[in-house]
PDB file of N, CA and C in Angstrom:
ATOM      1  N   MET A   1      77.653 129.480  42.541  1.00  0.00           N
ATOM      2  CA  MET A   1      77.225 128.760  41.629  1.00  0.00           C
ATOM      3  C   MET A   1      77.724 127.346  41.458  1.00  0.00           C
ATOM      4  N   GLY A   2      78.892 127.227  41.076  1.00  0.00           N
ATOM      5  CA  GLY A   2      79.559 126.021  41.158  1.00  0.00           C
ATOM      6  C   GLY A   2      79.348 125.114  42.018  1.00  0.00           C
ATOM      7  N   ALA A   3      79.439 125.640  43.590  1.00  0.00           N
ATOM      8  CA  ALA A   3      78.950 124.930  45.025  1.00  0.00           C
ATOM      9  C   ALA A   3      77.613 124.008  44.639  1.00  0.00           C
ATOM     10  N   ALA A   4      76.627 124.965  44.083  1.00  0.00           N
ATOM     11  CA  ALA A   4      75.347 124.221  44.172  1.00  0.00           C
ATOM     12  C   ALA A   4      74.989 123.303  42.920  1.00  0.00           C
ATOM     13  N   VAL A   5      75.732 123.382  42.045  1.00  0.00           N
ATOM     14  CA  VAL A   5      75.850 122.485  40.817  1.00  0.00           C
ATOM     15  C   VAL A   5      76.467 121.081  41.300  1.00  0.00           C
ATOM     16  N   ALA A   6      77.685 121.162  41.984  1.00  0.00           N
ATOM     17  CA  ALA A   6      78.280 120.211  42.853  1.00  0.00           C
ATOM     18  C   ALA A   6      77.198 119.224  43.557  1.00  0.00           C
ATOM     19  N   LEU A   7      76.692 120.108  44.577  1.00  0.00           N
ATOM     20  CA  LEU A   7      75.834 119.431  45.779  1.00  0.00           C
ATOM     21  C   LEU A   7      74.734 118.916  44.972  1.00  0.00           C
ATOM     22  N   ALA A   8      74.042 119.459  43.626  1.00  0.00           N
ATOM     23  CA  ALA A   8      72.992 118.726  43.365  1.00  0.00           C
ATOM     24  C   ALA A   8      73.249 117.479  42.377  1.00  0.00           C
ATOM     25  N   PHE A   9      74.622 117.619  41.954  1.00  0.00           N
ATOM     26  CA  PHE A   9      75.446 116.241  41.206  1.00  0.00           C
ATOM     27  C   PHE A   9      75.437 115.349  42.439  1.00  0.00           C
ATOM     28  N   MET A  10      75.945 115.771  43.329  1.00  0.00           N
ATOM     29  CA  MET A  10      76.631 114.548  44.738  1.00  0.00           C
ATOM     30  C   MET A  10      75.241 113.905  45.089  1.00  0.00           C
ATOM     31  N   ALA A  11      73.889 114.803  45.238  1.00  0.00           N
ATOM     32  CA  ALA A  11      72.642 114.167  45.648  1.00  0.00           C
ATOM     33  C   ALA A  11      71.926 113.005  44.756  1.00  0.00           C
ATOM     34  N   GLY A  12      72.254 112.970  43.462  1.00  0.00           N
ATOM     35  CA  GLY A  12      72.083 112.049  42.511  1.00  0.00           C
ATOM     36  C   GLY A  12      72.872 110.858  42.645  1.00  0.00           C
ATOM     37  N   CYS A  13      74.004 110.900  43.292  1.00  0.00           N
ATOM     38  CA  CYS A  13      74.819 109.802  43.305  1.00  0.00           C
ATOM     39  C   CYS A  13      74.515 108.487  44.075  1.00  0.00           C
ATOM     40  N   GLY A  14      73.335 108.663  44.395  1.00  0.00           N
ATOM     41  CA  GLY A  14      72.960 107.689  45.624  1.00  0.00           C
ATOM     42  C   GLY A  14      72.361 106.337  45.181  1.00  0.00           C
ATOM     43  N   GLY A  15      71.854 106.088  43.961  1.00  0.00           N
ATOM     44  CA  GLY A  15      71.068 105.576  43.300  1.00  0.00           C
ATOM     45  C   GLY A  15      69.768 105.514  43.616  1.00  0.00           C
ATOM     46  N   PRO A  16      68.857 104.658  43.134  1.00  0.00           N
ATOM     47  CA  PRO A  16      67.311 104.746  43.333  1.00  0.00           C
ATOM     48  C   PRO A  16      66.935 104.872  44.934  1.00  0.00           C
ATOM     49  N   PRO A  17      65.980 105.370  45.266  1.00  0.00           N
ATOM     50  CA  PRO A  17      65.715 105.189  46.765  1.00  0.00           C
ATOM     51  C   PRO A  17      65.329 103.874  47.296  1.00  0.00           C
ATOM     52  N   LYS A  18      65.524 103.469  48.592  1.00  0.00           N
ATOM     53  CA  LYS A  18      65.434 102.229  49.018  1.00  0.00           C
ATOM     54  C   LYS A  18      64.212 102.591  50.361  1.00  0.00           C
ATOM     55  N   ALA A  19      63.559 101.570  50.260  1.00  0.00           N
ATOM     56  CA  ALA A  19      62.257 101.159  51.300  1.00  0.00           C
ATOM     57  C   ALA A  19      63.133 100.480  52.183  1.00  0.00           C
ATOM     58  N   GLN A  20      63.029 100.626  53.807  1.00  0.00           N
ATOM     59  CA  GLN A  20      63.075  99.977  54.690  1.00  0.00           C
ATOM     60  C   GLN A  20      61.643  99.383  55.311  1.00  0.00           C
ATOM     61  N   VAL A  21      61.860  98.262  55.382  1.00  0.00           N
ATOM     62  CA  VAL A  21      60.300  97.763  55.299  1.00  0.00           C
ATOM     63  C   VAL A  21      60.534  96.678  56.736  1.00  0.00           C
ATOM     64  N   SER A  22      59.404  96.450  57.598  1.00  0.00           N
ATOM     65  CA  SER A  22      59.459  95.822  58.461  1.00  0.00           C
ATOM     66  C   SER A  22      57.716  95.302  58.933  1.00  0.00           C
ATOM     67  N   GLY A  23      57.621  94.369  59.744  1.00  0.00           N
ATOM     68  CA  GLY A  23      56.339  94.070  60.251  1.00  0.00           C
ATOM     69  C   GLY A  23      56.312  92.780  60.474  1.00  0.00           C
ATOM     70  N   THR A  24      54.692  91.967  60.704  1.00  0.00           N
ATOM     71  CA  THR A  24      54.492  90.796  61.268  1.00  0.00           C
ATOM     72  C   THR A  24      53.669  89.986  60.564  1.00  0.00           C
ATOM     73  N   VAL A  25      53.912  88.680  60.205  1.00  0.00           N
ATOM     74  CA  VAL A  25      53.647  87.914  59.389  1.00  0.00           C
ATOM     75  C   VAL A  25      52.743  86.865  60.303  1.00  0.00           C
ATOM     76  N   THR A  26      51.313  86.757  60.099  1.00  0.00           N
ATOM     77  CA  THR A  26      50.556  85.417  60.610  1.00  0.00           C
ATOM     78  C   THR A  26      49.915  84.524  59.661  1.00  0.00           C
ATOM     79  N   PHE A  27      49.574  83.334  60.234  1.00  0.00           N
ATOM     80  CA  PHE A  27      48.916  82.201  59.400  1.00  0.00           C
ATOM     81  C   PHE A  27      48.118  81.847  60.396  1.00  0.00           C
ATOM     82  N   ASN A  28      46.716  82.237  59.878  1.00  0.00           N
ATOM     83  CA  ASN A  28      45.536  81.506  60.717  1.00  0.00           C
ATOM     84  C   ASN A  28      45.586  82.123  61.903  1.00  0.00           C
ATOM     85  N   GLY A  29      46.104  83.324  62.347  1.00  0.00           N
ATOM     86  CA  GLY A  29      46.183  84.124  63.488  1.00  0.00           C
ATOM     87  C   GLY A  29      47.424  83.988  64.461  1.00  0.00           C
ATOM     88  N   GLU A  30      48.155  83.115  63.972  1.00  0.00           N
ATOM     89  CA  GLU A  30      49.286  82.659  64.822  1.00  0.00           C
ATOM     90  C   GLU A  30      50.753  83.284  63.965  1.00  0.00           C
ATOM     91  N   PRO A  31      51.647  83.589  64.786  1.00  0.00           N
ATOM     92  CA  PRO A  31      52.696  84.040  63.930  1.00  0.00           C
ATOM     93  C   PRO A  31      53.649  83.092  63.380  1.00  0.00           C
ATOM     94  N   ILE A  32      54.061  83.436  62.272  1.00  0.00           N
ATOM     95  CA  ILE A  32      54.822  82.074  61.328  1.00  0.00           C
ATOM     96  C   ILE A  32      56.348  82.264  62.104  1.00  0.00           C
ATOM     97  N   GLU A  33      56.654  81.063  62.700  1.00  0.00           N
ATOM     98  CA  GLU A  33      58.081  81.036  63.378  1.00  0.00           C
ATOM     99  C   GLU A  33      58.990  81.184  62.595  1.00  0.00           C
ATOM    100  N   ASN A  34      59.081  80.549  61.514  1.00  0.00           N
ATOM    101  CA  ASN A  34      60.293  80.536  60.670  1.00  0.00           C
ATOM    102  C   ASN A  34      60.045  80.762  59.167  1.00  0.00           C
ATOM    103  N   GLY A  35      60.309  81.634  58.282  1.00  0.00           N
ATOM    104  CA  GLY A  35      59.875  81.738  56.867  1.00  0.00           C
ATOM    105  C   GLY A  35      60.509  82.205  56.011  1.00  0.00           C
ATOM    106  N   ILE A  36      60.160  82.771  54.994  1.00  0.00           N
ATOM    107  CA  ILE A  36      60.952  83.782  54.154  1.00  0.00           C
ATOM    108  C   ILE A  36      59.794  84.584  53.649  1.00  0.00           C
ATOM    109  N   ILE A  37      60.102  85.803  53.283  1.00  0.00           N
ATOM    110  CA  ILE A  37      59.319  86.715  52.653  1.00  0.00           C
ATOM    111  C   ILE A  37      60.113  87.596  51.722  1.00  0.00           C
ATOM    112  N   GLN A  38      59.474  87.531  50.617  1.00  0.00           N
ATOM    113  CA  GLN A  38      60.280  88.177  49.310  1.00  0.00           C
ATOM    114  C   GLN A  38      59.068  89.364  48.494  1.00  0.00           C
ATOM    115  N   PHE A  39      60.281  90.412  48.119  1.00  0.00           N
ATOM    116  CA  PHE A  39      59.484  91.429  47.840  1.00  0.00           C
ATOM    117  C   PHE A  39      59.931  91.711  46.037  1.00  0.00           C
ATOM    118  N   TYR A  40      59.093  91.446  45.061  1.00  0.00           N
ATOM    119  CA  TYR A  40      59.470  91.728  43.923  1.00  0.00           C
ATOM    120  C   TYR A  40      58.518  93.003  43.146  1.00  0.00           C
ATOM    121  N   PRO A  41      59.209  93.662  42.457  1.00  0.00           N
ATOM    122  CA  PRO A  41      58.742  94.792  41.835  1.00  0.00           C
ATOM    123  C   PRO A  41      57.547  94.136  40.926  1.00  0.00           C
ATOM    124  N   ALA A  42      56.192  94.892  41.126  1.00  0.00           N
ATOM    125  CA  ALA A  42      55.125  94.433  40.443  1.00  0.00           C
ATOM    126  C   ALA A  42      55.172  94.426  39.016  1.00  0.00           C
ATOM    127  N   GLY A  43      55.884  95.453  38.464  1.00  0.00           N
ATOM    128  CA  GLY A  43      56.129  95.625  37.007  1.00  0.00           C
ATOM    129  C   GLY A  43      56.908  94.797  36.354  1.00  0.00           C
ATOM    130  N   GLY A  44      57.832  93.856  37.175  1.00  0.00           N
ATOM    131  CA  GLY A  44      58.808  93.103  36.400  1.00  0.00           C
ATOM    132  C   GLY A  44      60.037  93.535  36.689  1.00  0.00           C
ATOM    133  N   ALA A  45      60.211  94.833  36.686  1.00  0.00           N
ATOM    134  CA  ALA A  45      61.672  95.608  36.539  1.00  0.00           C
ATOM    135  C   ALA A  45      61.922  96.303  37.768  1.00  0.00           C
ATOM    136  N   GLY A  46      63.275  96.014  38.116  1.00  0.00           N
ATOM    137  CA  GLY A  46      63.767  96.282  39.371  1.00  0.00           C
ATOM    138  C   GLY A  46      64.458  95.392  40.360  1.00  0.00           C
ATOM    139  N   GLN A  47      64.744  95.857  41.352  1.00  0.00           N
ATOM    140  CA  GLN A  47      65.557  95.111  42.373  1.00  0.00           C
ATOM    141  C   GLN A  47      64.561  94.209  43.486  1.00  0.00           C
ATOM    142  N   THR A  48      64.916  92.874  43.377  1.00  0.00           N
ATOM    143  CA  THR A  48      63.987  92.378  44.448  1.00  0.00           C
ATOM    144  C   THR A  48      64.669  92.078  45.545  1.00  0.00           C
ATOM    145  N   ALA A  49      64.121  91.615  46.850  1.00  0.00           N
ATOM    146  CA  ALA A  49      64.860  91.318  47.937  1.00  0.00           C
ATOM    147  C   ALA A  49      64.118  90.544  48.710  1.00  0.00           C
ATOM    148  N   GLY A  50      64.600  89.870  49.763  1.00  0.00           N
ATOM    149  CA  GLY A  50      63.896  88.997  50.586  1.00  0.00           C
ATOM    150  C   GLY A  50      64.791  88.835  52.063  1.00  0.00           C
ATOM    151  N   GLY A  51      63.990  88.404  52.535  1.00  0.00           N
ATOM    152  CA  GLY A  51      64.649  87.869  54.272  1.00  0.00           C
ATOM    153  C   GLY A  51      63.866  86.866  54.911  1.00  0.00           C
ATOM    154  N   GLY A  52      64.582  86.631  56.318  1.00  0.00           N
ATOM    155  CA  GLY A  52      63.934  85.832  56.899  1.00  0.00           C
ATOM    156  C   GLY A  52      62.492  86.080  57.840  1.00  0.00           C
ATOM    157  N   ILE A  53      61.507  85.495  58.279  1.00  0.00           N
ATOM    158  CA  ILE A  53      60.653  85.535  58.943  1.00  0.00           C
ATOM    159  C   ILE A  53      61.166  84.779  60.409  1.00  0.00           C
ATOM    160  N   GLU A  54      61.138  85.517  61.792  1.00  0.00           N
ATOM    161  CA  GLU A  54      61.598  84.579  63.159  1.00  0.00           C
ATOM    162  C   GLU A  54      60.250  85.365  63.807  1.00  0.00           C
ATOM    163  N   ASN A  55      59.786  84.288  64.453  1.00  0.00           N
ATOM    164  CA  ASN A  55      58.932  84.597  65.370  1.00  0.00           C
ATOM    165  C   ASN A  55      57.748  85.555  64.979  1.00  0.00           C
ATOM    166  N   GLY A  56      57.379  85.471  63.664  1.00  0.00           N
ATOM    167  CA  GLY A  56      56.349  86.248  63.031  1.00  0.00           C
ATOM    168  C   GLY A  56      56.931  87.712  62.671  1.00  0.00           C
ATOM    169  N   LYS A  57      58.055  88.191  62.835  1.00  0.00           N
ATOM    170  CA  LYS A  57      58.782  89.486  62.417  1.00  0.00           C
ATOM    171  C   LYS A  57      59.587  89.216  61.189  1.00  0.00           C
ATOM    172  N   TYR A  58      59.786  90.220  60.743  1.00  0.00           N
ATOM    173  CA  TYR A  58      60.683  90.400  59.431  1.00  0.00           C
ATOM    174  C   TYR A  58      61.018  91.985  59.376  1.00  0.00           C
ATOM    175  N   GLN A  59      62.289  91.947  58.569  1.00  0.00           N
ATOM    176  CA  GLN A  59      62.758  93.708  58.499  1.00  0.00           C
ATOM    177  C   GLN A  59      64.114  93.597  57.139  1.00  0.00           C
ATOM    178  N   LEU A  60      63.877  94.191  56.465  1.00  0.00           N
ATOM    179  CA  LEU A  60      64.867  94.157  55.159  1.00  0.00           C
ATOM    180  C   LEU A  60      64.716  95.665  54.346  1.00  0.00           C
ATOM    181  N   GLU A  61      65.607  95.650  53.574  1.00  0.00           N
ATOM    182  CA  GLU A  61      65.609  96.670  52.656  1.00  0.00           C
ATOM    183  C   GLU A  61      65.429  96.336  51.418  1.00  0.00           C
ATOM    184  N   THR A  62      64.337  97.167  50.539  1.00  0.00           N
ATOM    185  CA  THR A  62      64.287  96.697  49.385  1.00  0.00           C
ATOM    186  C   THR A  62      64.073  98.087  48.103  1.00  0.00           C
ATOM    187  N   SER A  63      63.500  97.918  46.906  1.00  0.00           N
ATOM    188  CA  SER A  63      63.084  99.021  46.201  1.00  0.00           C
ATOM    189  C   SER A  63      61.871  99.682  46.520  1.00  0.00           C
ATOM    190  N   THR A  64      61.321 100.819  46.126  1.00  0.00           N
ATOM    191  CA  THR A  64      60.341 101.489  46.429  1.00  0.00           C
ATOM    192  C   THR A  64      59.165 101.093  45.296  1.00  0.00           C
ATOM    193  N   GLY A  65      57.873 101.431  45.495  1.00  0.00           N
ATOM    194  CA  GLY A  65      56.847 101.252  44.425  1.00  0.00           C
ATOM    195  C   GLY A  65      55.883 100.273  45.010  1.00  0.00           C
ATOM    196  N   GLU A  66      55.403  99.697  43.897  1.00  0.00           N
ATOM    197  CA  GLU A  66      54.485  98.736  43.984  1.00  0.00           C
ATOM    198  C   GLU A  66      55.235  97.333  44.027  1.00  0.00           C
ATOM    199  N   MET A  67      55.072  96.386  44.692  1.00  0.00           N
ATOM    200  CA  MET A  67      55.830  95.313  44.919  1.00  0.00           C
ATOM    201  C   MET A  67      54.637  94.114  44.964  1.00  0.00           C
ATOM    202  N   THR A  68      54.993  92.828  44.499  1.00  0.00           N
ATOM    203  CA  THR A  68      54.426  91.579  44.820  1.00  0.00           C
ATOM    204  C   THR A  68      54.864  91.077  45.893  1.00  0.00           C
ATOM    205  N   VAL A  69      54.427  90.460  47.017  1.00  0.00           N
ATOM    206  CA  VAL A  69      54.932  89.872  47.917  1.00  0.00           C
ATOM    207  C   VAL A  69      54.633  88.177  48.065  1.00  0.00           C
ATOM    208  N   THR A  70      55.757  87.575  48.458  1.00  0.00           N
ATOM    209  CA  THR A  70      55.542  86.066  48.590  1.00  0.00           C
ATOM    210  C   THR A  70      56.157  85.658  49.859  1.00  0.00           C
ATOM    211  N   ILE A  71      55.428  84.807  50.446  1.00  0.00           N
ATOM    212  CA  ILE A  71      55.762  84.294  51.657  1.00  0.00           C
ATOM    213  C   ILE A  71      55.590  82.685  51.775  1.00  0.00           C
ATOM    214  N   ASN A  72      57.085  82.156  52.352  1.00  0.00           N
ATOM    215  CA  ASN A  72      56.941  80.890  52.592  1.00  0.00           C
ATOM    216  C   ASN A  72      57.332  80.346  53.887  1.00  0.00           C
ATOM    217  N   ALA A  73      56.875  79.229  54.185  1.00  0.00           N
ATOM    218  CA  ALA A  73      57.118  78.480  55.494  1.00  0.00           C
ATOM    219  C   ALA A  73      56.953  77.018  55.250  1.00  0.00           C
ATOM    220  N   SER A  74      58.036  76.259  55.944  1.00  0.00           N
ATOM    221  CA  SER A  74      57.830  74.994  55.373  1.00  0.00           C
ATOM    222  C   SER A  74      58.158  74.130  56.720  1.00  0.00           C
ATOM    223  N   LYS A  75      57.776  72.677  57.117  1.00  0.00           N
ATOM    224  CA  LYS A  75      58.264  71.918  58.175  1.00  0.00           C
ATOM    225  C   LYS A  75      59.122  70.602  57.382  1.00  0.00           C
ATOM    226  N   VAL A  76      59.736  70.052  58.565  1.00  0.00           N
ATOM    227  CA  VAL A  76      60.310  68.858  57.722  1.00  0.00           C
ATOM    228  C   VAL A  76      59.366  67.884  58.293  1.00  0.00           C
ATOM    229  N   VAL A  77      58.961  66.793  57.319  1.00  0.00           N
ATOM    230  CA  VAL A  77      57.921  65.745  57.410  1.00  0.00           C
ATOM    231  C   VAL A  77      58.630  64.578  56.985  1.00  0.00           C
ATOM    232  N   GLY A  78      60.066  64.345  57.190  1.00  0.00           N
ATOM    233  CA  GLY A  78      60.759  63.262  56.919  1.00  0.00           C
ATOM    234  C   GLY A  78      62.069  63.258  56.326  1.00  0.00           C
ATOM    235  N   LYS A  79      62.416  62.307  55.867  1.00  0.00           N
ATOM    236  CA  LYS A  79      64.143  61.965  55.319  1.00  0.00           C
ATOM    237  C   LYS A  79      64.070  61.338  53.865  1.00  0.00           C
ATOM    238  N   ARG A  80      64.729  61.644  53.251  1.00  0.00           N
ATOM    239  CA  ARG A  80      64.906  60.833  52.161  1.00  0.00           C
ATOM    240  C   ARG A  80      66.829  60.850  51.431  1.00  0.00           C
ATOM    241  N   ALA A  81      66.581  59.720  50.767  1.00  0.00           N
ATOM    242  CA  ALA A  81      68.268  59.797  50.247  1.00  0.00           C
ATOM    243  C   ALA A  81      68.532  60.715  49.313  1.00  0.00           C
ATOM    244  N   MET A  82      69.603  61.321  49.205  1.00  0.00           N
ATOM    245  CA  MET A  82      69.851  62.558  48.263  1.00  0.00           C
ATOM    246  C   MET A  82      70.407  61.564  47.088  1.00  0.00           C
ATOM    247  N   TYR A  83      70.878  60.596  47.110  1.00  0.00           N
ATOM    248  CA  TYR A  83      71.313  59.832  45.705  1.00  0.00           C
ATOM    249  C   TYR A  83      70.496  58.517  45.808  1.00  0.00           C
ATOM    250  N   ASP A  84      70.464  57.718  44.680  1.00  0.00           N
ATOM    251  CA  ASP A  84      70.038  56.332  44.752  1.00  0.00           C
ATOM    252  C   ASP A  84      71.215  55.474  44.753  1.00  0.00           C
ATOM    253  N   THR A  85      71.895  55.501  46.066  1.00  0.00           N
ATOM    254  CA  THR A  85      72.591  54.651  46.304  1.00  0.00           C
ATOM    255  C   THR A  85      72.654  54.177  47.785  1.00  0.00           C
ATOM    256  N   PRO A  86      72.955  53.050  48.009  1.00  0.00           N
ATOM    257  CA  PRO A  86      72.930  52.465  49.733  1.00  0.00           C
ATOM    258  C   PRO A  86      73.496  53.334  50.706  1.00  0.00           C
ATOM    259  N   ASP A  87      74.556  54.027  50.407  1.00  0.00           N
ATOM    260  CA  ASP A  87      75.541  54.830  51.554  1.00  0.00           C
ATOM    261  C   ASP A  87      75.049  56.380  51.092  1.00  0.00           C
ATOM    262  N   SER A  88      73.879  56.764  50.361  1.00  0.00           N
ATOM    263  CA  SER A  88      73.706  58.109  50.265  1.00  0.00           C
ATOM    264  C   SER A  88      73.374  58.714  51.374  1.00  0.00           C
ATOM    265  N   PRO A  89      73.861  60.410  51.639  1.00  0.00           N
ATOM    266  CA  PRO A  89      73.407  61.096  52.739  1.00  0.00           C
ATOM    267  C   PRO A  89      71.883  61.237  52.804  1.00  0.00           C
ATOM    268  N   LYS A  90      71.308  61.434  53.780  1.00  0.00           N
ATOM    269  CA  LYS A  90      69.839  62.090  53.614  1.00  0.00           C
ATOM    270  C   LYS A  90      69.820  63.193  54.146  1.00  0.00           C
ATOM    271  N   VAL A  91      68.516  63.778  53.343  1.00  0.00           N
ATOM    272  CA  VAL A  91      68.118  65.091  53.222  1.00  0.00           C
ATOM    273  C   VAL A  91      66.775  65.200  53.744  1.00  0.00           C
ATOM    274  N   ASP A  92      66.185  66.274  54.243  1.00  0.00           N
ATOM    275  CA  ASP A  92      65.073  66.608  54.598  1.00  0.00           C
ATOM    276  C   ASP A  92      64.138  66.656  53.894  1.00  0.00           C
ATOM    277  N   VAL A  93      62.790  66.200  54.127  1.00  0.00           N
ATOM    278  CA  VAL A  93      61.610  66.500  53.054  1.00  0.00           C
ATOM    279  C   VAL A  93      61.125  67.591  53.803  1.00  0.00           C
ATOM    280  N   LEU A  94      60.652  68.603  52.952  1.00  0.00           N
ATOM    281  CA  LEU A  94      59.857  69.586  53.416  1.00  0.00           C
ATOM    282  C   LEU A  94      58.560  69.713  53.022  1.00  0.00           C
ATOM    283  N   LYS A  95      57.671  70.295  53.749  1.00  0.00           N
ATOM    284  CA  LYS A  95      56.276  70.672  53.326  1.00  0.00           C
ATOM    285  C   LYS A  95      56.042  71.829  53.530  1.00  0.00           C
ATOM    286  N   GLU A  96      55.339  72.781  52.375  1.00  0.00           N
ATOM    287  CA  GLU A  96      54.874  73.919  52.417  1.00  0.00           C
ATOM    288  C   GLU A  96      53.899  74.140  53.491  1.00  0.00           C
ATOM    289  N   LEU A  97      53.744  75.183  54.031  1.00  0.00           N
ATOM    290  CA  LEU A  97      52.842  75.518  55.077  1.00  0.00           C
ATOM    291  C   LEU A  97      51.701  76.363  54.878  1.00  0.00           C
ATOM    292  N   ILE A  98      52.228  77.125  53.798  1.00  0.00           N
ATOM    293  CA  ILE A  98      51.529  78.523  53.336  1.00  0.00           C
ATOM    294  C   ILE A  98      50.963  78.079  51.986  1.00  0.00           C
ATOM    295  N   PRO A  99      49.473  78.562  51.903  1.00  0.00           N
ATOM    296  CA  PRO A  99      49.064  78.177  50.528  1.00  0.00           C
ATOM    297  C   PRO A  99      49.741  78.996  49.215  1.00  0.00           C
ATOM    298  N   ALA A 100      49.558  78.254  48.208  1.00  0.00           N
ATOM    299  CA  ALA A 100      50.036  78.834  47.136  1.00  0.00           C
ATOM    300  C   ALA A 100      49.620  80.171  46.800  1.00  0.00           C
ATOM    301  N   GLU A 101      48.513  80.439  47.162  1.00  0.00           N
ATOM    302  CA  GLU A 101      47.803  81.992  46.690  1.00  0.00           C
ATOM    303  C   GLU A 101      48.839  83.209  47.390  1.00  0.00           C
ATOM    304  N   TYR A 102      49.858  82.771  48.446  1.00  0.00           N
ATOM    305  CA  TYR A 102      50.602  83.595  49.350  1.00  0.00           C
ATOM    306  C   TYR A 102      52.073  83.387  48.679  1.00  0.00           C
ATOM    307  N   ASN A 103      52.282  82.369  47.780  1.00  0.00           N
ATOM    308  CA  ASN A 103      53.747  82.225  47.361  1.00  0.00           C
ATOM    309  C   ASN A 103      53.627  82.014  45.985  1.00  0.00           C
ATOM    310  N   THR A 104      53.490  80.902  45.239  1.00  0.00           N
ATOM    311  CA  THR A 104      53.753  80.598  43.855  1.00  0.00           C
ATOM    312  C   THR A 104      52.884  81.299  42.943  1.00  0.00           C
ATOM    313  N   THR A 105      51.951  81.648  43.491  1.00  0.00           N
ATOM    314  CA  THR A 105      50.791  82.290  42.688  1.00  0.00           C
ATOM    315  C   THR A 105      50.319  83.403  43.479  1.00  0.00           C
ATOM    316  N   SER A 106      51.190  84.130  43.957  1.00  0.00           N
ATOM    317  CA  SER A 106      50.671  85.397  45.142  1.00  0.00           C
ATOM    318  C   SER A 106      50.197  86.454  44.487  1.00  0.00           C
ATOM    319  N   THR A 107      49.147  86.902  44.890  1.00  0.00           N
ATOM    320  CA  THR A 107      48.354  88.418  44.579  1.00  0.00           C
ATOM    321  C   THR A 107      48.447  89.125  45.552  1.00  0.00           C
ATOM    322  N   LEU A 108      49.596  89.052  46.717  1.00  0.00           N
ATOM    323  CA  LEU A 108      49.864  90.213  47.705  1.00  0.00           C
ATOM    324  C   LEU A 108      50.172  91.227  47.079  1.00  0.00           C
ATOM    325  N   LYS A 109      49.927  92.304  47.378  1.00  0.00           N
ATOM    326  CA  LYS A 109      50.706  93.687  46.825  1.00  0.00           C
ATOM    327  C   LYS A 109      50.767  94.667  47.864  1.00  0.00           C
ATOM    328  N   VAL A 110      51.749  95.313  47.788  1.00  0.00           N
ATOM    329  CA  VAL A 110      52.026  96.471  48.886  1.00  0.00           C
ATOM    330  C   VAL A 110      52.808  97.665  48.067  1.00  0.00           C
ATOM    331  N   THR A 111      52.553  98.734  48.560  1.00  0.00           N
ATOM    332  CA  THR A 111      53.187  99.846  47.931  1.00  0.00           C
ATOM    333  C   THR A 111      54.252 100.644  48.763  1.00  0.00           C
ATOM    334  N   LEU A 112      55.469 100.508  48.813  1.00  0.00           N
ATOM    335  CA  LEU A 112      56.456 101.105  49.673  1.00  0.00           C
ATOM    336  C   LEU A 112      56.957 102.435  49.255  1.00  0.00           C
ATOM    337  N   LYS A 113      56.931 103.646  50.395  1.00  0.00           N
ATOM    338  CA  LYS A 113      57.473 104.365  49.755  1.00  0.00           C
ATOM    339  C   LYS A 113      58.959 104.615  50.322  1.00  0.00           C
ATOM    340  N   PRO A 114      59.867 105.501  49.919  1.00  0.00           N
ATOM    341  CA  PRO A 114      61.114 105.996  50.351  1.00  0.00           C
ATOM    342  C   PRO A 114      61.565 106.085  51.712  1.00  0.00           C
ATOM    343  N   GLY A 115      62.580 105.283  52.215  1.00  0.00           N
ATOM    344  CA  GLY A 115      62.610 105.428  53.784  1.00  0.00           C
ATOM    345  C   GLY A 115      61.790 104.460  54.649  1.00  0.00           C
ATOM    346  N   VAL A 116      61.615 104.788  55.734  1.00  0.00           N
ATOM    347  CA  VAL A 116      60.954 103.710  56.605  1.00  0.00           C
ATOM    348  C   VAL A 116      59.471 103.271  56.373  1.00  0.00           C
ATOM    349  N   ASN A 117      59.145 102.209  56.222  1.00  0.00           N
ATOM    350  CA  ASN A 117      57.752 101.592  56.284  1.00  0.00           C
ATOM    351  C   ASN A 117      57.494 100.462  57.156  1.00  0.00           C
ATOM    352  N   GLU A 118      57.078 101.062  58.515  1.00  0.00           N
ATOM    353  CA  GLU A 118      56.774 100.277  59.680  1.00  0.00           C
ATOM    354  C   GLU A 118      55.429  99.463  59.745  1.00  0.00           C
ATOM    355  N   LYS A 119      55.371  98.461  60.121  1.00  0.00           N
ATOM    356  CA  LYS A 119      53.773  97.670  60.231  1.00  0.00           C
ATOM    357  C   LYS A 119      53.274  97.193  59.062  1.00  0.00           C
ATOM    358  N   VAL A 120      54.294  96.654  57.926  1.00  0.00           N
ATOM    359  CA  VAL A 120      53.415  96.286  56.707  1.00  0.00           C
ATOM    360  C   VAL A 120      53.409  94.650  57.331  1.00  0.00           C
ATOM    361  N   ASP A 121      52.187  94.473  57.517  1.00  0.00           N
ATOM    362  CA  ASP A 121      51.631  93.184  58.223  1.00  0.00           C
ATOM    363  C   ASP A 121      51.066  92.459  57.105  1.00  0.00           C
ATOM    364  N   PHE A 122      51.255  90.944  57.282  1.00  0.00           N
ATOM    365  CA  PHE A 122      50.432  90.286  56.597  1.00  0.00           C
ATOM    366  C   PHE A 122      49.638  89.291  57.395  1.00  0.00           C
ATOM    367  N   ASN A 123      48.579  89.046  57.639  1.00  0.00           N
ATOM    368  CA  ASN A 123      47.472  88.275  58.369  1.00  0.00           C
ATOM    369  C   ASN A 123      47.127  87.167  57.074  1.00  0.00           C
ATOM    370  N   LEU A 124      47.560  85.993  56.939  1.00  0.00           N
ATOM    371  CA  LEU A 124      47.419  85.338  56.232  1.00  0.00           C
ATOM    372  C   LEU A 124      46.269  83.945  56.443  1.00  0.00           C
ATOM    373  N   LYS A 125      45.550  83.755  55.691  1.00  0.00           N
ATOM    374  CA  LYS A 125      44.439  82.508  56.104  1.00  0.00           C
ATOM    375  C   LYS A 125      44.280  81.366  55.216  1.00  0.00           C
ATOM    376  N   SER A 126      44.069  80.655  55.722  1.00  0.00           N
ATOM    377  CA  SER A 126      43.913  79.131  54.827  1.00  0.00           C
ATOM    378  C   SER A 126      42.815  79.275  54.201  1.00  0.00           C
ATOM    379  N   GLY A 127      42.503  78.633  53.045  1.00  0.00           N
ATOM    380  CA  GLY A 127      41.191  79.022  52.299  1.00  0.00           C
ATOM    381  C   GLY A 127      40.568  80.300  52.094  1.00  0.00           C
ATOM    382  N   LYS A 128      41.607  81.185  51.638  1.00  0.00           N
ATOM    383  CA  LYS A 128      41.583  82.603  51.497  1.00  0.00           C
ATOM    384  C   LYS A 128      40.535  83.013  50.626  1.00  0.00           C
ATOM    385  N   LYS A 129      40.226  82.326  49.363  1.00  0.00           N
ATOM    386  CA  LYS A 129      39.236  82.679  48.262  1.00  0.00           C
ATOM    387  C   LYS A 129      37.938  82.049  48.737  1.00  0.00           C
TER     388      LYS A 129
END
């Protein structure tokens, strides 16, 4: 009996269940070359996680349950001075390529189960609404 209690106690020591999630992300039918994907608990409480998108593919570990997803991808459109001084270093000026409905005002939702969640794909389009 003592061994069964110890085993039950140890099984609960791993923390909340995790989801390993992977898939592809396209925009207007083309794979997103480089970007960022982030998963936020839809209820606002819990762990958030994010990772890179490379050649349209991503893979990461996050919490389980209903998640809001944001996707960003940008490109360099110029340079600007970091400071308002003549010898200021230059920094890249970036333009967001993905519409706001997929990032700052995202309505993308997905429900993740504990363990492996494969082919959680996002096929984004401009002018979604």
